[in-house]
Amino acid sequence: MARALTGRDETPDGLRLSFRPEAEDELRALVAVETGCCAWATWTVEPAAGAVVLDVRSADEGVTTLRSMFTAGRSAGRTSAPSPGRGHRESRR
């Protein structure tokens, strides 16, 4: 992210991250890993005018989890995010 991220926008159901075009292969590899790890979210990579866009969507607590995964100073390659809601349910006990 530090090398190629050019924009970060929060959407109603997640995030839209823009990267330099040369990051497309790495983003597609990331999506392959994250889809297996975090199947509660939808991960897509699309080329856009002079950029490549990673769109990540979820519902409910998943949106908050996504936004925390992709904050300044954190790596986009983090693959050990908790499933949304897991900690929330435990905290009610």
C-alpha atoms as a PDB file:
ATOM      1  CA  MET A   1       0.000   0.000   0.000  1.00  0.00           C
ATOM      2  CA  ALA A   2       2.808   2.401   0.817  1.00  0.00           C
ATOM      3  CA  ARG A   3       4.209   2.124  -2.718  1.00  0.00           C
ATOM      4  CA  ALA A   4       1.092   2.153  -4.848  1.00  0.00           C
ATOM      5  CA  LEU A   5      -2.009   3.409  -2.995  1.00  0.00           C
ATOM      6  CA  THR A   6      -3.334   6.610  -4.570  1.00  0.00           C
ATOM      7  CA  GLY A   7      -6.785   6.895  -3.004  1.00  0.00           C
ATOM      8  CA  ARG A   8      -9.089   5.495  -0.316  1.00  0.00           C
ATOM      9  CA  ASP A   9     -12.843   6.053  -0.288  1.00  0.00           C
ATOM     10  CA  GLU A  10     -15.320   4.600   2.162  1.00  0.00           C
ATOM     11  CA  THR A  11     -18.464   3.302   0.499  1.00  0.00           C
ATOM     12  CA  PRO A  12     -21.757   2.434   2.213  1.00  0.00           C
ATOM     13  CA  ASP A  13     -20.806  -1.254   2.159  1.00  0.00           C
ATOM     14  CA  GLY A  14     -17.004  -1.144   2.411  1.00  0.00           C
ATOM     15  CA  LEU A  15     -14.060   0.503   0.686  1.00  0.00           C
ATOM     16  CA  ARG A  16     -12.785   1.507  -2.722  1.00  0.00           C
ATOM     17  CA  LEU A  17      -8.993   1.700  -2.899  1.00  0.00           C
ATOM     18  CA  SER A  18      -7.186   3.103  -5.933  1.00  0.00           C
ATOM     19  CA  PHE A  19      -3.660   2.026  -6.831  1.00  0.00           C
ATOM     20  CA  ARG A  20      -1.063   2.746  -9.485  1.00  0.00           C
ATOM     21  CA  PRO A  21      -1.652   0.486 -12.534  1.00  0.00           C
ATOM     22  CA  GLU A  22       1.543  -1.493 -11.945  1.00  0.00           C
ATOM     23  CA  ALA A  23       0.028  -2.908  -8.716  1.00  0.00           C
ATOM     24  CA  GLU A  24      -2.644  -4.909 -10.560  1.00  0.00           C
ATOM     25  CA  ASP A  25      -0.884  -8.289 -10.385  1.00  0.00           C
ATOM     26  CA  GLU A  26      -0.193  -7.892  -6.662  1.00  0.00           C
ATOM     27  CA  LEU A  27      -3.795  -6.846  -6.024  1.00  0.00           C
ATOM     28  CA  ARG A  28      -5.114  -9.879  -7.883  1.00  0.00           C
ATOM     29  CA  ALA A  29      -2.849 -12.109  -5.770  1.00  0.00           C
ATOM     30  CA  LEU A  30      -4.107 -10.367  -2.613  1.00  0.00           C
ATOM     31  CA  VAL A  31      -7.717 -10.898  -3.662  1.00  0.00           C
ATOM     32  CA  ALA A  32      -7.055 -14.612  -4.229  1.00  0.00           C
ATOM     33  CA  VAL A  33      -5.751 -14.952  -0.659  1.00  0.00           C
ATOM     34  CA  GLU A  34      -8.354 -12.706   0.971  1.00  0.00           C
ATOM     35  CA  THR A  35     -11.245 -14.450  -0.793  1.00  0.00           C
ATOM     36  CA  GLY A  36     -10.223 -17.686   0.914  1.00  0.00           C
ATOM     37  CA  CYS A  37      -9.506 -16.071   4.258  1.00  0.00           C
ATOM     38  CA  CYS A  38     -12.310 -13.541   4.420  1.00  0.00           C
ATOM     39  CA  ALA A  39     -15.149 -15.026   2.392  1.00  0.00           C
ATOM     40  CA  TRP A  40     -17.610 -12.807   4.289  1.00  0.00           C
ATOM     41  CA  ALA A  41     -16.460  -9.958   2.004  1.00  0.00           C
ATOM     42  CA  THR A  42     -16.599  -9.511  -1.770  1.00  0.00           C
ATOM     43  CA  TRP A  43     -13.231  -8.593  -3.330  1.00  0.00           C
ATOM     44  CA  THR A  44     -12.892  -7.235  -6.874  1.00  0.00           C
ATOM     45  CA  VAL A  45     -10.075  -5.676  -8.877  1.00  0.00           C
ATOM     46  CA  GLU A  46     -10.902  -3.570 -11.910  1.00  0.00           C
ATOM     47  CA  PRO A  47      -8.723  -1.408 -14.148  1.00  0.00           C
ATOM     48  CA  ALA A  48      -9.875   2.228 -14.247  1.00  0.00           C
ATOM     49  CA  ALA A  49      -8.624   5.348 -16.022  1.00  0.00           C
ATOM     50  CA  GLY A  50      -4.926   5.395 -15.166  1.00  0.00           C
ATOM     51  CA  ALA A  51      -5.388   3.248 -12.060  1.00  0.00           C
ATOM     52  CA  VAL A  52      -6.511  -0.111 -10.762  1.00  0.00           C
ATOM     53  CA  VAL A  53      -9.313  -0.200  -8.194  1.00  0.00           C
ATOM     54  CA  LEU A  54      -9.783  -2.681  -5.346  1.00  0.00           C
ATOM     55  CA  ASP A  55     -13.420  -2.682  -4.289  1.00  0.00           C
ATOM     56  CA  VAL A  56     -14.162  -4.550  -1.067  1.00  0.00           C
ATOM     57  CA  ARG A  57     -17.742  -4.967   0.139  1.00  0.00           C
ATOM     58  CA  SER A  58     -19.480  -6.614   3.043  1.00  0.00           C
ATOM     59  CA  ALA A  59     -22.478  -6.169   5.321  1.00  0.00           C
ATOM     60  CA  ASP A  60     -23.093  -5.235   8.930  1.00  0.00           C
ATOM     61  CA  GLU A  61     -19.980  -5.662  11.104  1.00  0.00           C
ATOM     62  CA  GLY A  62     -17.974  -6.723   8.055  1.00  0.00           C
ATOM     63  CA  VAL A  63     -17.918  -3.132   6.834  1.00  0.00           C
ATOM     64  CA  THR A  64     -16.256  -1.959  10.057  1.00  0.00           C
ATOM     65  CA  THR A  65     -13.794  -4.846   9.885  1.00  0.00           C
ATOM     66  CA  LEU A  66     -12.837  -3.956   6.306  1.00  0.00           C
ATOM     67  CA  ARG A  67     -12.293  -0.328   7.157  1.00  0.00           C
ATOM     68  CA  SER A  68     -10.039  -1.261  10.070  1.00  0.00           C
ATOM     69  CA  MET A  69      -8.022  -3.659   7.876  1.00  0.00           C
ATOM     70  CA  PHE A  70      -7.187  -0.898   5.424  1.00  0.00           C
ATOM     71  CA  THR A  71      -6.241   2.072   7.549  1.00  0.00           C
ATOM     72  CA  ALA A  72      -3.098   4.181   7.225  1.00  0.00           C
ATOM     73  CA  GLY A  73      -0.041   2.336   8.499  1.00  0.00           C
ATOM     74  CA  ARG A  74      -1.465  -1.143   8.038  1.00  0.00           C
ATOM     75  CA  SER A  75      -0.638  -3.569   5.292  1.00  0.00           C
ATOM     76  CA  ALA A  76      -3.191  -4.507   2.661  1.00  0.00           C
ATOM     77  CA  GLY A  77      -1.752  -8.019   2.824  1.00  0.00           C
ATOM     78  CA  ARG A  78      -3.017  -8.664   6.319  1.00  0.00           C
ATOM     79  CA  THR A  79      -4.809 -11.968   6.086  1.00  0.00           C
ATOM     80  CA  SER A  80      -5.601 -12.736   9.701  1.00  0.00           C
ATOM     81  CA  ALA A  81      -8.569 -10.437  10.211  1.00  0.00           C
ATOM     82  CA  PRO A  82     -11.230 -11.791  12.531  1.00  0.00           C
ATOM     83  CA  SER A  83     -14.578 -12.771  11.101  1.00  0.00           C
ATOM     84  CA  PRO A  84     -17.017  -9.938  11.645  1.00  0.00           C
ATOM     85  CA  GLY A  85     -19.129 -10.360  14.716  1.00  0.00           C
ATOM     86  CA  ARG A  86     -16.965 -12.963  16.417  1.00  0.00           C
ATOM     87  CA  GLY A  87     -15.653 -10.610  19.089  1.00  0.00           C
ATOM     88  CA  HIS A  88     -19.014  -8.867  19.354  1.00  0.00           C
ATOM     89  CA  ARG A  89     -20.833 -12.055  20.311  1.00  0.00           C
ATOM     90  CA  GLU A  90     -18.115 -13.060  22.769  1.00  0.00           C
ATOM     91  CA  SER A  91     -18.261  -9.686  24.502  1.00  0.00           C
ATOM     92  CA  ARG A  92     -21.959 -10.252  25.322  1.00  0.00           C
ATOM     93  CA  ARG A  93     -21.214 -13.292  27.480  1.00  0.00           C
END
